[in-house]
Amino acid sequence: MADRTLVLLKPDTLQRGLAGRIISRLEDRGMQIVGMKLMQMDMDLAKQHYAEHVEKGFFKGLSSFMTSSPIIAMAIEGNNAAAAVRACMGETDPQKSLPGTIRGDMAQDLGRNLIHGSDSPESAAREIAIFFKPEELLSYERDTQRWITEA
């Protein structure tokens, strides 16, 4: 069953020029982009998105990093989207991520791990609503065969 999840390409993704490669991996996995924007996260948005971490010791460093440079926010649709994206991402700690995952192949360390993906369908619904208005999300059918037969 198709559902949606939030993906954030973090500042290190943009700083290292890896956005296209990461988006391609998600699309190769069968995920469909239904919303996307380049944006600068501010502290209010960081506090809203990472609400469960605000009181934790690592929040200051996390929020400083996430507000340091633009990010790309994406709403992704696909079968079991949250689980599929997280499997494609790999473990939070790149040192524990398997080769073939985004983090296993490209991330440098725990604090600079390139990508965020919602951890469940429930979290995805909450997180997508933080970054996107309903009218910013587009549903569409992929019809790649039509373009081939019409050419």
N, C-alpha and C. Protein backbone atom coordinates (compact mmCIF):
# COMPACT_ATOMS: atom_id res chain seq x y z
N MET A 1 0.84 -1.18 0.00
CA MET A 1 0.00 0.00 0.00
C MET A 1 0.89 1.25 0.00
N ALA A 2 0.59 2.19 -0.89
CA ALA A 2 1.39 3.41 -0.98
C ALA A 2 1.04 4.35 0.17
N ASP A 3 2.08 4.89 0.78
CA ASP A 3 1.90 5.92 1.80
C ASP A 3 3.03 6.93 1.63
N ARG A 4 3.08 7.89 2.51
CA ARG A 4 4.05 8.98 2.38
C ARG A 4 4.96 9.05 3.58
N THR A 5 6.14 9.60 3.34
CA THR A 5 7.09 9.85 4.41
C THR A 5 7.84 11.13 4.12
N LEU A 6 8.44 11.70 5.15
CA LEU A 6 9.26 12.89 4.99
C LEU A 6 10.72 12.49 4.87
N VAL A 7 11.41 13.14 3.95
CA VAL A 7 12.85 13.00 3.81
C VAL A 7 13.45 14.39 3.84
N LEU A 8 14.47 14.57 4.65
CA LEU A 8 15.23 15.82 4.66
C LEU A 8 16.65 15.51 4.20
N LEU A 9 17.10 16.20 3.18
CA LEU A 9 18.50 16.14 2.79
C LEU A 9 19.18 17.24 3.56
N LYS A 10 20.05 16.85 4.45
CA LYS A 10 20.65 17.74 5.45
C LYS A 10 21.72 18.64 4.83
N PRO A 11 22.17 19.65 5.59
CA PRO A 11 23.16 20.59 5.07
C PRO A 11 24.40 19.93 4.47
N ASP A 12 24.88 18.83 5.05
CA ASP A 12 26.07 18.20 4.49
C ASP A 12 25.82 17.60 3.11
N THR A 13 24.59 17.20 2.83
CA THR A 13 24.25 16.71 1.49
C THR A 13 24.43 17.82 0.47
N LEU A 14 23.91 19.00 0.78
CA LEU A 14 24.01 20.11 -0.17
C LEU A 14 25.45 20.63 -0.25
N GLN A 15 26.12 20.71 0.88
CA GLN A 15 27.50 21.20 0.88
C GLN A 15 28.43 20.28 0.09
N ARG A 16 28.15 19.01 0.08
CA ARG A 16 28.99 18.05 -0.63
C ARG A 16 28.50 17.74 -2.04
N GLY A 17 27.39 18.36 -2.47
CA GLY A 17 26.88 18.15 -3.82
C GLY A 17 26.34 16.75 -4.07
N LEU A 18 25.68 16.17 -3.07
CA LEU A 18 25.20 14.80 -3.17
C LEU A 18 23.68 14.68 -3.36
N ALA A 19 22.97 15.79 -3.47
CA ALA A 19 21.51 15.75 -3.52
C ALA A 19 21.01 14.89 -4.68
N GLY A 20 21.53 15.10 -5.86
CA GLY A 20 21.07 14.34 -7.02
C GLY A 20 21.29 12.84 -6.87
N ARG A 21 22.45 12.47 -6.33
CA ARG A 21 22.74 11.04 -6.15
C ARG A 21 21.80 10.40 -5.14
N ILE A 22 21.49 11.14 -4.07
CA ILE A 22 20.60 10.59 -3.04
C ILE A 22 19.17 10.51 -3.56
N ILE A 23 18.72 11.54 -4.24
CA ILE A 23 17.36 11.50 -4.81
C ILE A 23 17.25 10.35 -5.80
N SER A 24 18.27 10.15 -6.62
CA SER A 24 18.25 9.03 -7.58
C SER A 24 18.12 7.70 -6.87
N ARG A 25 18.81 7.52 -5.77
CA ARG A 25 18.71 6.25 -5.04
C ARG A 25 17.29 6.02 -4.54
N LEU A 26 16.65 7.07 -4.05
CA LEU A 26 15.27 6.92 -3.57
C LEU A 26 14.32 6.60 -4.73
N GLU A 27 14.51 7.27 -5.85
CA GLU A 27 13.68 6.98 -7.02
C GLU A 27 13.96 5.58 -7.56
N ASP A 28 15.23 5.18 -7.56
CA ASP A 28 15.58 3.82 -8.00
C ASP A 28 14.88 2.77 -7.14
N ARG A 29 14.66 3.11 -5.89
CA ARG A 29 14.00 2.20 -4.94
C ARG A 29 12.48 2.15 -5.19
N GLY A 30 11.98 2.99 -6.10
CA GLY A 30 10.56 3.00 -6.42
C GLY A 30 9.79 4.11 -5.74
N MET A 31 10.48 4.97 -5.01
CA MET A 31 9.81 6.06 -4.33
C MET A 31 9.50 7.19 -5.34
N GLN A 32 8.42 7.88 -5.09
CA GLN A 32 7.96 8.96 -5.96
C GLN A 32 7.92 10.26 -5.17
N ILE A 33 8.53 11.30 -5.69
CA ILE A 33 8.51 12.61 -5.04
C ILE A 33 7.14 13.24 -5.27
N VAL A 34 6.45 13.61 -4.18
CA VAL A 34 5.16 14.29 -4.30
C VAL A 34 5.21 15.71 -3.75
N GLY A 35 6.34 16.08 -3.17
CA GLY A 35 6.58 17.45 -2.69
C GLY A 35 8.05 17.64 -2.47
N MET A 36 8.57 18.82 -2.85
CA MET A 36 9.99 19.07 -2.65
C MET A 36 10.23 20.57 -2.60
N LYS A 37 11.11 20.98 -1.67
CA LYS A 37 11.50 22.38 -1.60
C LYS A 37 12.89 22.54 -0.99
N LEU A 38 13.61 23.50 -1.54
CA LEU A 38 14.88 23.94 -0.98
C LEU A 38 14.55 25.01 0.02
N MET A 39 15.09 24.89 1.23
CA MET A 39 14.74 25.84 2.27
C MET A 39 15.85 25.98 3.29
N GLN A 40 15.77 27.06 4.04
CA GLN A 40 16.69 27.28 5.15
C GLN A 40 15.92 27.01 6.44
N MET A 41 16.34 26.02 7.20
CA MET A 41 15.70 25.73 8.48
C MET A 41 16.14 26.79 9.47
N ASP A 42 15.18 27.37 10.21
CA ASP A 42 15.52 28.29 11.29
C ASP A 42 15.33 27.57 12.62
N MET A 43 15.67 28.24 13.70
CA MET A 43 15.63 27.60 15.02
C MET A 43 14.20 27.20 15.40
N ASP A 44 13.21 28.01 15.06
CA ASP A 44 11.83 27.65 15.39
C ASP A 44 11.42 26.35 14.69
N LEU A 45 11.78 26.22 13.42
CA LEU A 45 11.46 25.01 12.68
C LEU A 45 12.23 23.82 13.25
N ALA A 46 13.48 24.02 13.61
CA ALA A 46 14.28 22.94 14.22
C ALA A 46 13.63 22.47 15.52
N LYS A 47 13.18 23.39 16.34
CA LYS A 47 12.53 23.03 17.61
C LYS A 47 11.22 22.28 17.36
N GLN A 48 10.49 22.68 16.34
CA GLN A 48 9.22 22.01 16.02
C GLN A 48 9.49 20.60 15.49
N HIS A 49 10.42 20.49 14.56
CA HIS A 49 10.69 19.18 13.95
C HIS A 49 11.33 18.21 14.95
N TYR A 50 12.26 18.70 15.74
CA TYR A 50 12.98 17.85 16.70
C TYR A 50 12.45 18.05 18.12
N ALA A 51 11.14 18.25 18.26
CA ALA A 51 10.52 18.57 19.56
C ALA A 51 10.90 17.58 20.66
N GLU A 52 10.99 16.30 20.33
CA GLU A 52 11.30 15.29 21.35
C GLU A 52 12.75 15.35 21.81
N HIS A 53 13.59 16.13 21.10
CA HIS A 53 15.02 16.20 21.44
C HIS A 53 15.44 17.55 22.04
N VAL A 54 14.53 18.51 22.10
CA VAL A 54 14.89 19.88 22.52
C VAL A 54 15.60 19.91 23.86
N GLU A 55 15.21 19.08 24.81
CA GLU A 55 15.81 19.09 26.14
C GLU A 55 17.04 18.20 26.27
N LYS A 56 17.40 17.52 25.21
CA LYS A 56 18.54 16.61 25.26
C LYS A 56 19.84 17.36 24.99
N GLY A 57 20.93 16.83 25.50
CA GLY A 57 22.23 17.49 25.40
C GLY A 57 22.72 17.71 23.98
N PHE A 58 22.33 16.84 23.06
CA PHE A 58 22.83 16.96 21.69
C PHE A 58 22.03 17.92 20.83
N PHE A 59 20.90 18.46 21.35
CA PHE A 59 20.05 19.31 20.52
C PHE A 59 20.77 20.58 20.06
N LYS A 60 21.57 21.17 20.91
CA LYS A 60 22.26 22.40 20.52
C LYS A 60 23.13 22.18 19.28
N GLY A 61 23.91 21.12 19.27
CA GLY A 61 24.75 20.81 18.11
C GLY A 61 23.92 20.44 16.89
N LEU A 62 22.87 19.64 17.11
CA LEU A 62 21.99 19.23 16.01
C LEU A 62 21.32 20.43 15.37
N SER A 63 20.75 21.30 16.19
CA SER A 63 20.04 22.46 15.64
C SER A 63 21.01 23.44 14.98
N SER A 64 22.20 23.58 15.54
CA SER A 64 23.21 24.44 14.91
C SER A 64 23.57 23.92 13.52
N PHE A 65 23.77 22.61 13.42
CA PHE A 65 24.07 21.99 12.13
C PHE A 65 22.92 22.15 11.16
N MET A 66 21.71 21.83 11.58
CA MET A 66 20.55 21.86 10.67
C MET A 66 20.19 23.26 10.20
N THR A 67 20.59 24.27 10.93
CA THR A 67 20.31 25.66 10.52
C THR A 67 21.50 26.31 9.84
N SER A 68 22.58 25.57 9.63
CA SER A 68 23.83 26.13 9.11
C SER A 68 23.84 26.36 7.61
N SER A 69 22.97 25.70 6.88
CA SER A 69 23.01 25.72 5.42
C SER A 69 21.65 25.23 4.92
N PRO A 70 21.30 25.47 3.68
CA PRO A 70 20.00 24.99 3.18
C PRO A 70 19.85 23.47 3.28
N ILE A 71 18.60 23.06 3.30
CA ILE A 71 18.22 21.65 3.26
C ILE A 71 17.22 21.48 2.11
N ILE A 72 16.99 20.25 1.74
CA ILE A 72 15.91 19.92 0.81
C ILE A 72 14.92 19.07 1.59
N ALA A 73 13.67 19.53 1.64
CA ALA A 73 12.59 18.76 2.26
C ALA A 73 11.79 18.10 1.14
N MET A 74 11.52 16.81 1.33
CA MET A 74 10.75 16.07 0.34
C MET A 74 9.67 15.23 0.99
N ALA A 75 8.51 15.22 0.39
CA ALA A 75 7.49 14.24 0.72
C ALA A 75 7.60 13.15 -0.33
N ILE A 76 7.77 11.93 0.12
CA ILE A 76 8.02 10.79 -0.75
C ILE A 76 6.87 9.81 -0.60
N GLU A 77 6.43 9.25 -1.71
CA GLU A 77 5.32 8.31 -1.69
C GLU A 77 5.78 6.97 -2.26
N GLY A 78 5.29 5.90 -1.66
CA GLY A 78 5.61 4.56 -2.15
C GLY A 78 5.07 3.52 -1.20
N ASN A 79 5.24 2.27 -1.58
CA ASN A 79 4.80 1.17 -0.73
C ASN A 79 5.62 1.14 0.54
N ASN A 80 4.93 1.20 1.69
CA ASN A 80 5.61 1.21 2.99
C ASN A 80 6.75 2.23 2.99
N ALA A 81 6.41 3.46 2.60
CA ALA A 81 7.41 4.49 2.33
C ALA A 81 8.38 4.71 3.49
N ALA A 82 7.90 4.84 4.71
CA ALA A 82 8.80 5.12 5.82
C ALA A 82 9.83 4.00 5.99
N ALA A 83 9.39 2.77 5.99
CA ALA A 83 10.31 1.64 6.17
C ALA A 83 11.25 1.50 4.97
N ALA A 84 10.74 1.69 3.77
CA ALA A 84 11.57 1.56 2.56
C ALA A 84 12.66 2.63 2.52
N VAL A 85 12.29 3.86 2.86
CA VAL A 85 13.29 4.94 2.85
C VAL A 85 14.34 4.69 3.93
N ARG A 86 13.92 4.28 5.11
CA ARG A 86 14.88 4.04 6.18
C ARG A 86 15.83 2.89 5.85
N ALA A 87 15.34 1.87 5.17
CA ALA A 87 16.22 0.78 4.74
C ALA A 87 17.24 1.29 3.72
N CYS A 88 16.81 2.16 2.84
CA CYS A 88 17.70 2.73 1.83
C CYS A 88 18.73 3.66 2.47
N MET A 89 18.34 4.36 3.54
CA MET A 89 19.23 5.29 4.23
C MET A 89 20.35 4.58 4.97
N GLY A 90 20.05 3.49 5.64
CA GLY A 90 21.02 2.82 6.50
C GLY A 90 20.91 3.31 7.93
N GLU A 91 21.75 2.78 8.79
CA GLU A 91 21.75 3.11 10.21
C GLU A 91 22.10 4.59 10.42
N THR A 92 21.61 5.16 11.52
CA THR A 92 21.90 6.55 11.85
C THR A 92 23.41 6.80 11.92
N ASP A 93 24.13 5.87 12.50
CA ASP A 93 25.59 5.96 12.57
C ASP A 93 26.17 5.34 11.31
N PRO A 94 26.77 6.14 10.44
CA PRO A 94 27.30 5.61 9.18
C PRO A 94 28.30 4.47 9.37
N GLN A 95 29.00 4.44 10.50
CA GLN A 95 29.96 3.37 10.76
C GLN A 95 29.28 2.02 10.93
N LYS A 96 27.98 2.05 11.24
CA LYS A 96 27.21 0.82 11.40
C LYS A 96 26.33 0.51 10.19
N SER A 97 26.37 1.38 9.19
CA SER A 97 25.55 1.21 7.99
C SER A 97 26.22 0.29 7.00
N LEU A 98 25.42 -0.53 6.37
CA LEU A 98 25.93 -1.47 5.39
C LEU A 98 26.29 -0.77 4.08
N PRO A 99 27.30 -1.27 3.39
CA PRO A 99 27.56 -0.79 2.04
C PRO A 99 26.30 -0.98 1.19
N GLY A 100 26.06 -0.05 0.30
CA GLY A 100 24.85 -0.09 -0.51
C GLY A 100 23.76 0.80 0.01
N THR A 101 23.89 1.25 1.26
CA THR A 101 22.93 2.22 1.80
C THR A 101 23.51 3.62 1.58
N ILE A 102 22.65 4.62 1.64
CA ILE A 102 23.10 6.00 1.45
C ILE A 102 24.17 6.36 2.48
N ARG A 103 23.87 6.10 3.74
CA ARG A 103 24.84 6.45 4.79
C ARG A 103 26.07 5.56 4.75
N GLY A 104 25.90 4.29 4.45
CA GLY A 104 27.02 3.39 4.38
C GLY A 104 28.00 3.75 3.28
N ASP A 105 27.49 4.30 2.20
CA ASP A 105 28.34 4.64 1.05
C ASP A 105 28.84 6.08 1.07
N MET A 106 28.08 7.00 1.67
CA MET A 106 28.41 8.41 1.49
C MET A 106 28.57 9.24 2.77
N ALA A 107 27.97 8.82 3.88
CA ALA A 107 28.01 9.65 5.08
C ALA A 107 29.37 9.57 5.77
N GLN A 108 29.72 10.64 6.48
CA GLN A 108 31.03 10.72 7.10
C GLN A 108 31.04 10.34 8.57
N ASP A 109 30.05 10.80 9.33
CA ASP A 109 30.01 10.47 10.75
C ASP A 109 28.60 10.65 11.29
N LEU A 110 28.41 10.30 12.55
CA LEU A 110 27.09 10.34 13.17
C LEU A 110 26.45 11.72 13.10
N GLY A 111 27.24 12.75 13.28
CA GLY A 111 26.72 14.11 13.26
C GLY A 111 26.48 14.66 11.87
N ARG A 112 27.06 14.02 10.86
CA ARG A 112 26.93 14.46 9.47
C ARG A 112 26.52 13.24 8.65
N ASN A 113 25.24 12.85 8.80
CA ASN A 113 24.80 11.60 8.19
C ASN A 113 23.83 11.78 7.01
N LEU A 114 23.84 12.99 6.42
CA LEU A 114 23.24 13.30 5.13
C LEU A 114 21.73 13.40 5.05
N ILE A 115 20.99 12.55 5.74
CA ILE A 115 19.58 12.38 5.43
C ILE A 115 18.76 12.06 6.67
N HIS A 116 17.54 12.57 6.70
CA HIS A 116 16.56 12.22 7.73
C HIS A 116 15.38 11.58 7.03
N GLY A 117 14.85 10.53 7.62
CA GLY A 117 13.61 9.92 7.15
C GLY A 117 12.73 9.64 8.35
N SER A 118 11.45 9.89 8.20
CA SER A 118 10.50 9.61 9.29
C SER A 118 10.61 8.17 9.73
N ASP A 119 10.45 7.93 11.04
CA ASP A 119 10.63 6.57 11.56
C ASP A 119 9.38 5.72 11.56
N SER A 120 8.23 6.29 11.20
CA SER A 120 6.98 5.52 11.16
C SER A 120 5.96 6.31 10.34
N PRO A 121 4.89 5.65 9.91
CA PRO A 121 3.84 6.39 9.20
C PRO A 121 3.23 7.51 10.05
N GLU A 122 3.13 7.28 11.36
CA GLU A 122 2.58 8.31 12.24
C GLU A 122 3.50 9.53 12.31
N SER A 123 4.80 9.27 12.48
CA SER A 123 5.76 10.38 12.48
C SER A 123 5.77 11.08 11.13
N ALA A 124 5.65 10.32 10.07
CA ALA A 124 5.65 10.90 8.72
C ALA A 124 4.51 11.89 8.56
N ALA A 125 3.33 11.54 9.00
CA ALA A 125 2.18 12.44 8.88
C ALA A 125 2.43 13.74 9.64
N ARG A 126 2.96 13.62 10.87
CA ARG A 126 3.26 14.81 11.67
C ARG A 126 4.34 15.65 11.02
N GLU A 127 5.40 15.02 10.56
CA GLU A 127 6.54 15.75 9.99
C GLU A 127 6.22 16.38 8.64
N ILE A 128 5.49 15.67 7.80
CA ILE A 128 5.11 16.26 6.50
C ILE A 128 4.30 17.53 6.73
N ALA A 129 3.41 17.51 7.71
CA ALA A 129 2.58 18.70 7.99
C ALA A 129 3.41 19.88 8.49
N ILE A 130 4.57 19.63 9.07
CA ILE A 130 5.46 20.71 9.51
C ILE A 130 6.09 21.41 8.31
N PHE A 131 6.43 20.65 7.28
CA PHE A 131 7.19 21.19 6.16
C PHE A 131 6.36 21.54 4.93
N PHE A 132 5.16 20.97 4.81
CA PHE A 132 4.37 21.18 3.60
C PHE A 132 2.92 21.52 3.93
N LYS A 133 2.37 22.47 3.19
CA LYS A 133 0.93 22.71 3.21
C LYS A 133 0.30 21.66 2.32
N PRO A 134 -0.95 21.28 2.58
CA PRO A 134 -1.60 20.24 1.75
C PRO A 134 -1.54 20.55 0.25
N GLU A 135 -1.70 21.81 -0.11
CA GLU A 135 -1.70 22.17 -1.53
C GLU A 135 -0.31 22.09 -2.18
N GLU A 136 0.73 21.89 -1.39
CA GLU A 136 2.08 21.75 -1.92
C GLU A 136 2.43 20.30 -2.27
N LEU A 137 1.52 19.39 -1.97
CA LEU A 137 1.74 17.96 -2.25
C LEU A 137 0.91 17.56 -3.45
N LEU A 138 1.54 16.91 -4.41
CA LEU A 138 0.88 16.54 -5.66
C LEU A 138 0.88 15.03 -5.83
N SER A 139 -0.30 14.49 -6.06
CA SER A 139 -0.40 13.07 -6.39
C SER A 139 -0.51 12.95 -7.90
N TYR A 140 0.21 11.99 -8.45
CA TYR A 140 0.16 11.76 -9.89
C TYR A 140 0.58 10.33 -10.17
N GLU A 141 0.13 9.84 -11.31
CA GLU A 141 0.51 8.50 -11.73
C GLU A 141 1.71 8.60 -12.64
N ARG A 142 2.64 7.72 -12.44
CA ARG A 142 3.77 7.62 -13.37
C ARG A 142 3.29 6.88 -14.60
N ASP A 143 3.55 7.45 -15.74
CA ASP A 143 3.07 6.86 -16.98
C ASP A 143 4.21 6.86 -17.99
N THR A 144 5.28 6.20 -17.64
CA THR A 144 6.46 6.22 -18.50
C THR A 144 6.22 5.52 -19.82
N GLN A 145 5.37 4.52 -19.86
CA GLN A 145 5.11 3.82 -21.12
C GLN A 145 4.39 4.70 -22.13
N ARG A 146 3.54 5.61 -21.66
CA ARG A 146 2.82 6.50 -22.57
C ARG A 146 3.79 7.32 -23.39
N TRP A 147 4.85 7.83 -22.78
CA TRP A 147 5.80 8.69 -23.50
C TRP A 147 6.52 7.89 -24.58
N ILE A 148 6.77 6.63 -24.34
CA ILE A 148 7.47 5.80 -25.32
C ILE A 148 6.57 5.53 -26.51
N THR A 149 5.31 5.19 -26.26
CA THR A 149 4.40 4.82 -27.36
C THR A 149 3.94 6.04 -28.16
N GLU A 150 3.96 7.23 -27.55
CA GLU A 150 3.53 8.43 -28.27
C GLU A 150 4.64 9.04 -29.11
N ALA A 151 5.87 8.65 -28.86
CA ALA A 151 7.02 9.25 -29.58
C ALA A 151 7.08 8.81 -31.01
